[in-house]
C-alpha atoms as a PDB file:
ATOM      1  CA  MET A   1      51.436  43.388  39.572  1.00  0.00           C
ATOM      2  CA  VAL A   2      53.039  44.303  36.254  1.00  0.00           C
ATOM      3  CA  LYS A   3      53.264  48.099  35.833  1.00  0.00           C
ATOM      4  CA  THR A   4      56.172  48.335  33.359  1.00  0.00           C
ATOM      5  CA  ILE A   5      57.105  46.517  30.192  1.00  0.00           C
ATOM      6  CA  LEU A   6      60.662  47.093  28.830  1.00  0.00           C
ATOM      7  CA  PHE A   7      61.633  46.065  25.383  1.00  0.00           C
ATOM      8  CA  ASP A   8      64.772  45.299  23.513  1.00  0.00           C
ATOM      9  CA  PHE A   9      64.648  47.024  20.098  1.00  0.00           C
ATOM     10  CA  ASP A  10      66.450  45.162  17.179  1.00  0.00           C
ATOM     11  CA  GLY A  11      64.544  41.917  16.544  1.00  0.00           C
ATOM     12  CA  THR A  12      62.004  42.733  19.184  1.00  0.00           C
ATOM     13  CA  ILE A  13      60.136  46.003  18.413  1.00  0.00           C
ATOM     14  CA  ALA A  14      61.340  46.100  14.813  1.00  0.00           C
ATOM     15  CA  ASN A  15      62.856  43.767  12.303  1.00  0.00           C
ATOM     16  CA  THR A  16      65.847  45.962  11.866  1.00  0.00           C
ATOM     17  CA  LEU A  17      68.528  43.214  11.958  1.00  0.00           C
ATOM     18  CA  PRO A  18      68.736  42.833   8.033  1.00  0.00           C
ATOM     19  CA  LEU A  19      69.209  46.711   7.880  1.00  0.00           C
ATOM     20  CA  CYS A  20      71.994  46.509  10.570  1.00  0.00           C
ATOM     21  CA  PHE A  21      73.742  43.784   8.755  1.00  0.00           C
ATOM     22  CA  GLU A  22      73.705  45.530   5.406  1.00  0.00           C
ATOM     23  CA  VAL A  23      74.891  48.844   6.894  1.00  0.00           C
ATOM     24  CA  PHE A  24      77.784  47.192   8.906  1.00  0.00           C
ATOM     25  CA  ARG A  25      78.686  45.247   5.688  1.00  0.00           C
ATOM     26  CA  THR A  26      78.866  48.460   3.758  1.00  0.00           C
ATOM     27  CA  VAL A  27      81.060  50.164   6.225  1.00  0.00           C
ATOM     28  CA  PHE A  28      83.551  47.293   6.598  1.00  0.00           C
ATOM     29  CA  LYS A  29      83.680  46.853   2.828  1.00  0.00           C
ATOM     30  CA  GLU A  30      84.322  50.611   2.133  1.00  0.00           C
ATOM     31  CA  PHE A  31      86.851  51.189   4.902  1.00  0.00           C
ATOM     32  CA  ASP A  32      88.589  47.852   5.501  1.00  0.00           C
ATOM     33  CA  HIS A  33      87.904  46.251   2.105  1.00  0.00           C
ATOM     34  CA  ILE A  34      86.494  43.057   3.719  1.00  0.00           C
ATOM     35  CA  SER A  35      83.175  41.246   3.221  1.00  0.00           C
ATOM     36  CA  LEU A  36      81.512  40.061   6.432  1.00  0.00           C
ATOM     37  CA  THR A  37      78.723  37.524   6.805  1.00  0.00           C
ATOM     38  CA  ASN A  38      75.727  38.184   9.087  1.00  0.00           C
ATOM     39  CA  ASP A  39      77.060  35.714  11.606  1.00  0.00           C
ATOM     40  CA  GLU A  40      80.357  37.476  11.668  1.00  0.00           C
ATOM     41  CA  ILE A  41      78.543  40.819  12.210  1.00  0.00           C
ATOM     42  CA  LYS A  42      76.316  39.355  14.833  1.00  0.00           C
ATOM     43  CA  GLU A  43      79.404  38.244  16.860  1.00  0.00           C
ATOM     44  CA  MET A  44      80.247  41.924  17.303  1.00  0.00           C
ATOM     45  CA  PHE A  45      76.837  42.847  18.718  1.00  0.00           C
ATOM     46  CA  GLY A  46      76.498  44.062  22.427  1.00  0.00           C
ATOM     47  CA  PRO A  47      78.080  47.531  22.390  1.00  0.00           C
ATOM     48  CA  SER A  48      76.453  50.440  20.396  1.00  0.00           C
ATOM     49  CA  GLU A  49      77.236  50.807  16.660  1.00  0.00           C
ATOM     50  CA  THR A  50      79.683  53.473  17.477  1.00  0.00           C
ATOM     51  CA  GLU A  51      81.676  51.211  19.851  1.00  0.00           C
ATOM     52  CA  ILE A  52      81.523  48.270  17.388  1.00  0.00           C
ATOM     53  CA  ILE A  53      83.088  50.427  14.710  1.00  0.00           C
ATOM     54  CA  GLN A  54      85.705  51.799  17.080  1.00  0.00           C
ATOM     55  CA  LEU A  55      86.602  48.333  18.208  1.00  0.00           C
ATOM     56  CA  ASN A  56      86.657  46.509  14.932  1.00  0.00           C
ATOM     57  CA  VAL A  57      87.278  48.863  11.993  1.00  0.00           C
ATOM     58  CA  LYS A  58      90.918  48.909  11.109  1.00  0.00           C
ATOM     59  CA  HIS A  59      90.876  52.011   9.032  1.00  0.00           C
ATOM     60  CA  PRO A  60      92.374  54.984  10.896  1.00  0.00           C
ATOM     61  CA  ASP A  61      89.453  57.370  10.218  1.00  0.00           C
ATOM     62  CA  LYS A  62      86.995  55.725  12.541  1.00  0.00           C
ATOM     63  CA  LEU A  63      85.000  58.919  12.835  1.00  0.00           C
ATOM     64  CA  GLN A  64      84.370  58.962   9.169  1.00  0.00           C
ATOM     65  CA  ALA A  65      83.330  55.255   9.349  1.00  0.00           C
ATOM     66  CA  ILE A  66      80.908  56.099  12.080  1.00  0.00           C
ATOM     67  CA  GLU A  67      79.366  58.971  10.162  1.00  0.00           C
ATOM     68  CA  ARG A  68      79.066  56.719   7.115  1.00  0.00           C
ATOM     69  CA  PHE A  69      77.275  54.104   9.157  1.00  0.00           C
ATOM     70  CA  TYR A  70      74.577  56.553  10.314  1.00  0.00           C
ATOM     71  CA  GLU A  71      74.172  58.005   6.711  1.00  0.00           C
ATOM     72  CA  VAL A  72      73.606  54.586   5.241  1.00  0.00           C
ATOM     73  CA  TYR A  73      71.321  53.537   8.109  1.00  0.00           C
ATOM     74  CA  GLU A  74      68.986  56.451   7.522  1.00  0.00           C
ATOM     75  CA  VAL A  75      68.977  56.113   3.741  1.00  0.00           C
ATOM     76  CA  LEU A  76      68.313  52.441   3.681  1.00  0.00           C
ATOM     77  CA  HIS A  77      65.890  52.260   6.649  1.00  0.00           C
ATOM     78  CA  GLN A  78      62.594  52.632   4.769  1.00  0.00           C
ATOM     79  CA  SER A  79      63.648  49.976   2.227  1.00  0.00           C
ATOM     80  CA  TYR A  80      64.697  47.433   4.788  1.00  0.00           C
ATOM     81  CA  VAL A  81      62.320  47.874   7.704  1.00  0.00           C
ATOM     82  CA  ASN A  82      58.604  47.283   7.511  1.00  0.00           C
ATOM     83  CA  PRO A  83      56.392  48.369  10.504  1.00  0.00           C
ATOM     84  CA  MET A  84      55.241  45.446  12.642  1.00  0.00           C
ATOM     85  CA  GLU A  85      51.680  46.581  12.706  1.00  0.00           C
ATOM     86  CA  ASP A  86      50.472  44.025  15.374  1.00  0.00           C
ATOM     87  CA  LEU A  87      53.190  45.032  17.717  1.00  0.00           C
ATOM     88  CA  HIS A  88      52.470  48.788  17.199  1.00  0.00           C
ATOM     89  CA  ASN A  89      48.829  48.101  18.003  1.00  0.00           C
ATOM     90  CA  LEU A  90      49.907  46.261  21.170  1.00  0.00           C
ATOM     91  CA  LEU A  91      52.014  49.245  22.250  1.00  0.00           C
ATOM     92  CA  ASP A  92      49.103  51.560  21.643  1.00  0.00           C
ATOM     93  CA  GLU A  93      46.831  49.384  23.766  1.00  0.00           C
ATOM     94  CA  LEU A  94      49.277  48.943  26.589  1.00  0.00           C
ATOM     95  CA  ASP A  95      50.054  52.683  26.514  1.00  0.00           C
ATOM     96  CA  THR A  96      46.238  53.578  26.532  1.00  0.00           C
ATOM     97  CA  ASN A  97      45.738  51.109  29.473  1.00  0.00           C
ATOM     98  CA  GLY A  98      48.368  53.014  31.610  1.00  0.00           C
ATOM     99  CA  MET A  99      51.332  50.641  31.410  1.00  0.00           C
ATOM    100  CA  ASN A 100      54.760  52.120  31.548  1.00  0.00           C
ATOM    101  CA  LEU A 101      56.639  51.243  28.402  1.00  0.00           C
ATOM    102  CA  GLY A 102      60.415  51.452  27.840  1.00  0.00           C
ATOM    103  CA  ILE A 103      63.202  50.507  25.595  1.00  0.00           C
ATOM    104  CA  VAL A 104      66.555  49.003  26.811  1.00  0.00           C
ATOM    105  CA  THR A 105      68.764  48.571  23.787  1.00  0.00           C
ATOM    106  CA  GLY A 106      72.391  48.321  22.869  1.00  0.00           C
ATOM    107  CA  LYS A 107      71.746  50.608  19.833  1.00  0.00           C
ATOM    108  CA  ALA A 108      73.207  54.181  19.962  1.00  0.00           C
ATOM    109  CA  LYS A 109      70.733  56.906  20.482  1.00  0.00           C
ATOM    110  CA  ARG A 110      71.376  58.309  17.055  1.00  0.00           C
ATOM    111  CA  SER A 111      70.253  55.255  15.141  1.00  0.00           C
ATOM    112  CA  LEU A 112      67.358  54.414  17.518  1.00  0.00           C
ATOM    113  CA  ASP A 113      66.004  57.912  17.007  1.00  0.00           C
ATOM    114  CA  VAL A 114      66.040  57.379  13.258  1.00  0.00           C
ATOM    115  CA  SER A 115      64.174  54.125  13.707  1.00  0.00           C
ATOM    116  CA  LEU A 116      61.606  55.482  16.192  1.00  0.00           C
ATOM    117  CA  LYS A 117      60.863  58.435  13.895  1.00  0.00           C
ATOM    118  CA  GLN A 118      60.494  56.554  10.706  1.00  0.00           C
ATOM    119  CA  LEU A 119      58.311  53.912  12.483  1.00  0.00           C
ATOM    120  CA  LYS A 120      56.331  56.800  14.170  1.00  0.00           C
ATOM    121  CA  ILE A 121      56.386  55.135  17.594  1.00  0.00           C
ATOM    122  CA  GLN A 122      58.420  57.791  19.672  1.00  0.00           C
ATOM    123  CA  SER A 123      55.445  58.675  21.733  1.00  0.00           C
ATOM    124  CA  ASN A 124      54.778  55.163  23.051  1.00  0.00           C
ATOM    125  CA  PHE A 125      57.782  55.065  25.383  1.00  0.00           C
ATOM    126  CA  ASP A 126      58.230  56.533  28.878  1.00  0.00           C
ATOM    127  CA  VAL A 127      61.915  55.681  29.226  1.00  0.00           C
ATOM    128  CA  VAL A 128      64.668  54.830  26.678  1.00  0.00           C
ATOM    129  CA  ILE A 129      67.990  53.486  27.609  1.00  0.00           C
ATOM    130  CA  THR A 130      70.479  53.126  24.722  1.00  0.00           C
ATOM    131  CA  GLY A 131      73.948  51.789  24.422  1.00  0.00           C
ATOM    132  CA  ASP A 132      75.216  55.410  24.978  1.00  0.00           C
ATOM    133  CA  ASP A 133      73.645  55.617  28.457  1.00  0.00           C
ATOM    134  CA  VAL A 134      75.361  52.577  30.075  1.00  0.00           C
ATOM    135  CA  ILE A 135      78.926  51.554  31.001  1.00  0.00           C
ATOM    136  CA  ASN A 136      78.190  47.906  30.791  1.00  0.00           C
ATOM    137  CA  PRO A 137      75.990  46.752  27.904  1.00  0.00           C
ATOM    138  CA  LYS A 138      73.821  43.695  27.861  1.00  0.00           C
ATOM    139  CA  PRO A 139      74.145  40.836  29.112  1.00  0.00           C
ATOM    140  CA  ASN A 140      74.871  43.103  32.049  1.00  0.00           C
ATOM    141  CA  GLY A 141      71.704  44.255  33.748  1.00  0.00           C
ATOM    142  CA  GLU A 142      72.733  47.902  34.038  1.00  0.00           C
ATOM    143  CA  GLY A 143      70.341  49.269  31.365  1.00  0.00           C
ATOM    144  CA  VAL A 144      67.330  47.364  32.840  1.00  0.00           C
ATOM    145  CA  ILE A 145      68.114  48.612  36.322  1.00  0.00           C
ATOM    146  CA  ARG A 146      68.572  52.130  35.130  1.00  0.00           C
ATOM    147  CA  ALA A 147      65.265  52.147  33.378  1.00  0.00           C
ATOM    148  CA  MET A 148      63.550  50.889  36.614  1.00  0.00           C
ATOM    149  CA  GLU A 149      65.232  53.669  38.598  1.00  0.00           C
ATOM    150  CA  GLU A 150      64.036  56.289  36.120  1.00  0.00           C
ATOM    151  CA  LEU A 151      60.429  54.909  36.360  1.00  0.00           C
ATOM    152  CA  ASN A 152      60.577  54.350  40.121  1.00  0.00           C
ATOM    153  CA  VAL A 153      59.424  50.723  40.005  1.00  0.00           C
ATOM    154  CA  THR A 154      60.458  47.501  41.629  1.00  0.00           C
ATOM    155  CA  PRO A 155      61.665  44.412  39.830  1.00  0.00           C
ATOM    156  CA  GLU A 156      58.349  42.630  40.804  1.00  0.00           C
ATOM    157  CA  GLU A 157      56.488  45.153  38.719  1.00  0.00           C
ATOM    158  CA  VAL A 158      58.717  44.852  35.537  1.00  0.00           C
ATOM    159  CA  VAL A 159      58.765  42.591  32.479  1.00  0.00           C
ATOM    160  CA  PHE A 160      61.731  42.699  30.070  1.00  0.00           C
ATOM    161  CA  VAL A 161      61.141  41.422  26.484  1.00  0.00           C
ATOM    162  CA  GLY A 162      63.910  40.632  24.140  1.00  0.00           C
ATOM    163  CA  ASP A 163      65.001  38.272  21.329  1.00  0.00           C
ATOM    164  CA  SER A 164      68.550  37.528  22.397  1.00  0.00           C
ATOM    165  CA  GLU A 165      70.282  35.526  24.998  1.00  0.00           C
ATOM    166  CA  ALA A 166      71.890  38.702  26.246  1.00  0.00           C
ATOM    167  CA  ASP A 167      68.385  40.153  26.941  1.00  0.00           C
ATOM    168  CA  ILE A 168      67.421  37.278  29.100  1.00  0.00           C
ATOM    169  CA  LEU A 169      70.650  37.332  31.013  1.00  0.00           C
ATOM    170  CA  ALA A 170      70.272  41.151  31.642  1.00  0.00           C
ATOM    171  CA  GLY A 171      66.651  40.756  32.782  1.00  0.00           C
ATOM    172  CA  LYS A 172      67.641  37.899  35.184  1.00  0.00           C
ATOM    173  CA  GLU A 173      70.571  39.947  36.611  1.00  0.00           C
ATOM    174  CA  ALA A 174      68.053  42.829  37.189  1.00  0.00           C
ATOM    175  CA  ASN A 175      65.635  40.257  38.949  1.00  0.00           C
ATOM    176  CA  VAL A 176      62.700  41.067  36.537  1.00  0.00           C
ATOM    177  CA  THR A 177      60.399  38.688  34.731  1.00  0.00           C
ATOM    178  CA  THR A 178      61.935  37.745  31.391  1.00  0.00           C
ATOM    179  CA  VAL A 179      60.129  37.159  28.073  1.00  0.00           C
ATOM    180  CA  GLY A 180      61.972  35.626  25.215  1.00  0.00           C
ATOM    181  CA  VAL A 181      60.330  36.320  21.783  1.00  0.00           C
ATOM    182  CA  HIS A 182      60.869  35.075  18.309  1.00  0.00           C
ATOM    183  CA  TRP A 183      58.188  36.952  16.619  1.00  0.00           C
ATOM    184  CA  SER A 184      60.303  38.815  14.143  1.00  0.00           C
ATOM    185  CA  ALA A 185      61.546  37.412  10.805  1.00  0.00           C
ATOM    186  CA  GLU A 186      65.123  37.900  11.916  1.00  0.00           C
ATOM    187  CA  VAL A 187      66.289  37.514  15.474  1.00  0.00           C
ATOM    188  CA  GLN A 188      69.589  37.816  17.403  1.00  0.00           C
ATOM    189  CA  SER A 189      69.634  34.400  19.154  1.00  0.00           C
ATOM    190  CA  ALA A 190      67.999  31.382  17.440  1.00  0.00           C
ATOM    191  CA  ASN A 191      67.703  29.615  20.820  1.00  0.00           C
ATOM    192  CA  PHE A 192      67.859  30.634  24.442  1.00  0.00           C
ATOM    193  CA  THR A 193      70.383  28.737  26.510  1.00  0.00           C
ATOM    194  CA  THR A 194      69.157  30.600  29.576  1.00  0.00           C
ATOM    195  CA  LYS A 195      65.450  29.798  29.824  1.00  0.00           C
ATOM    196  CA  PRO A 196      63.150  32.974  30.014  1.00  0.00           C
ATOM    197  CA  ASP A 197      60.190  32.997  32.243  1.00  0.00           C
ATOM    198  CA  TYR A 198      57.964  33.157  29.161  1.00  0.00           C
ATOM    199  CA  TYR A 199      58.599  32.451  25.499  1.00  0.00           C
ATOM    200  CA  PHE A 200      56.302  33.620  22.613  1.00  0.00           C
ATOM    201  CA  THR A 201      56.545  33.246  18.813  1.00  0.00           C
ATOM    202  CA  ARG A 202      53.473  35.385  18.159  1.00  0.00           C
ATOM    203  CA  ILE A 203      52.518  38.897  19.467  1.00  0.00           C
ATOM    204  CA  ASP A 204      49.001  37.761  20.145  1.00  0.00           C
ATOM    205  CA  GLN A 205      50.285  35.140  22.544  1.00  0.00           C
ATOM    206  CA  PHE A 206      52.060  37.896  24.573  1.00  0.00           C
ATOM    207  CA  LYS A 207      48.925  39.698  25.524  1.00  0.00           C
ATOM    208  CA  VAL A 208      46.825  36.646  26.146  1.00  0.00           C
ATOM    209  CA  GLU A 209      49.311  34.548  28.208  1.00  0.00           C
ATOM    210  CA  LEU A 210      51.005  37.379  30.128  1.00  0.00           C
ATOM    211  CA  PHE A 211      47.884  39.167  31.320  1.00  0.00           C
ATOM    212  CA  LYS A 212      45.425  36.187  31.736  1.00  0.00           C
END
């Protein structure tokens, strides 16, 4: 019986990818004087934003680049990210019905906190695992396993929902039921090479099919 639903964040709970692309593009242009495409930025995804900048920005003042990232992320958030109302309603319904809800994301806590606050969904989640909390980011299953440990649930009781290949691989490594979703306007993986246990393109499908 499913007791816990864990969600990826970018492209799953919120259509934040256009914001992430623009903020990274701003940082790399200001500090390294290069213009990156969305695909080039997407290739860096996996570690937290802080780690991405530390690993890829050539400018010596990486701390300043990191601070600039979070400054622009917060300033542009409202302009780039519209609430996914159907998903927020689903979270409220699942929460009201006693389901454990969690987030397992590669985002740093600092940017996730900005997004949760601006979208007003902080109170929906019982556990949050960010890129700051793990040694091995997705596709490693460490984050999913850590969330299960904090909630004291078994893999048979857990569903992990995500929009990327890394999400599906992480869920399978943790031996939980995997749900691939493409219900956001922008997603991290256009196709899943690793087949998830379920696949949905609409939020209403999730509730109907998963709990029938």
